[in-house]
Amino acid sequence: MLNTEEFGRRLSSLRRRSGKKQRQIAEELGLTPQAVSKWERGLSCPDILMLDELASSLGVPIAALFEKNEAR
């Protein structure tokens, strides 16, 4: 089962590593910065259909969003 808090920490780490702001990711995905913030805080997760775009925006494969060692 997906731990949303772990996913959020991983996403935040990958986003910072990419040098992008939450606002930039949100604009690229057609969302609000608040949605990205909720993901990073573990309050919600992106729709499965959005994972490819999210990973592309961060410059990583989809698997990196779920691999524990990617956020370190």
Protein backbone atom coordinates (compact mmCIF):
# COMPACT_ATOMS: atom_id res chain seq x y z
CA MET A 1 0.00 0.00 0.00
CA LEU A 2 1.21 3.49 -0.82
CA ASN A 3 2.26 5.60 2.14
CA THR A 4 1.23 9.10 1.09
CA GLU A 5 3.67 10.78 3.48
CA GLU A 6 6.63 8.85 2.05
CA PHE A 7 5.45 9.59 -1.47
CA GLY A 8 5.19 13.28 -0.59
CA ARG A 9 8.72 13.41 0.82
CA ARG A 10 10.05 11.64 -2.26
CA LEU A 11 8.18 13.99 -4.58
CA SER A 12 9.40 17.05 -2.70
CA SER A 13 12.98 15.81 -2.85
CA LEU A 14 12.78 15.06 -6.57
CA ARG A 15 11.20 18.45 -7.25
CA ARG A 16 13.89 20.32 -5.33
CA ARG A 17 16.57 18.27 -7.09
CA SER A 18 15.05 19.30 -10.43
CA GLY A 19 15.32 22.96 -9.39
CA LYS A 20 11.63 23.62 -9.91
CA LYS A 21 9.10 25.35 -7.67
CA GLN A 22 5.72 23.85 -6.83
CA ARG A 23 4.17 26.57 -8.99
CA GLN A 24 6.20 25.46 -12.03
CA ILE A 25 5.17 21.82 -11.64
CA ALA A 26 1.54 22.89 -11.19
CA GLU A 27 1.61 25.03 -14.35
CA GLU A 28 3.15 22.22 -16.40
CA LEU A 29 0.45 19.82 -15.23
CA GLY A 30 -2.43 22.30 -15.46
CA LEU A 31 -3.06 22.27 -11.72
CA THR A 32 -2.92 24.65 -8.80
CA PRO A 33 0.21 24.98 -6.64
CA GLN A 34 -2.01 23.95 -3.72
CA ALA A 35 -2.55 20.53 -5.33
CA VAL A 36 1.21 19.96 -5.57
CA SER A 37 1.59 21.16 -1.99
CA LYS A 38 -1.01 18.62 -0.81
CA TRP A 39 0.88 15.83 -2.57
CA GLU A 40 4.16 16.84 -0.95
CA ARG A 41 2.54 17.04 2.50
CA GLY A 42 1.06 13.57 2.08
CA LEU A 43 -2.53 14.83 2.20
CA SER A 44 -3.37 13.48 -1.25
CA CYS A 45 -1.76 11.82 -4.26
CA PRO A 46 -1.77 12.63 -7.95
CA ASP A 47 -4.17 10.77 -10.21
CA ILE A 48 -2.54 7.69 -11.72
CA LEU A 49 -3.11 9.13 -15.20
CA MET A 50 -0.91 12.09 -14.27
CA LEU A 51 2.15 10.11 -13.15
CA ASP A 52 3.81 10.05 -16.57
CA GLU A 53 3.54 13.83 -16.95
CA LEU A 54 4.70 14.38 -13.37
CA ALA A 55 7.75 12.17 -13.81
CA SER A 56 8.58 13.84 -17.13
CA SER A 57 8.31 17.25 -15.53
CA LEU A 58 10.81 16.16 -12.88
CA GLY A 59 13.10 14.50 -15.44
CA VAL A 60 12.84 11.06 -13.84
CA PRO A 61 11.24 7.72 -14.74
CA ILE A 62 7.87 6.96 -13.14
CA ALA A 63 9.52 4.32 -10.94
CA ALA A 64 11.60 7.05 -9.26
CA LEU A 65 8.39 8.43 -7.74
CA PHE A 66 8.02 5.20 -5.78
CA GLU A 67 11.60 4.06 -5.06
CA LYS A 68 12.63 4.78 -1.51
CA ASN A 69 16.30 5.31 -2.40
CA GLU A 70 15.49 8.02 -4.98
CA ALA A 71 14.64 10.65 -2.36
CA ARG A 72 17.92 10.37 -0.50
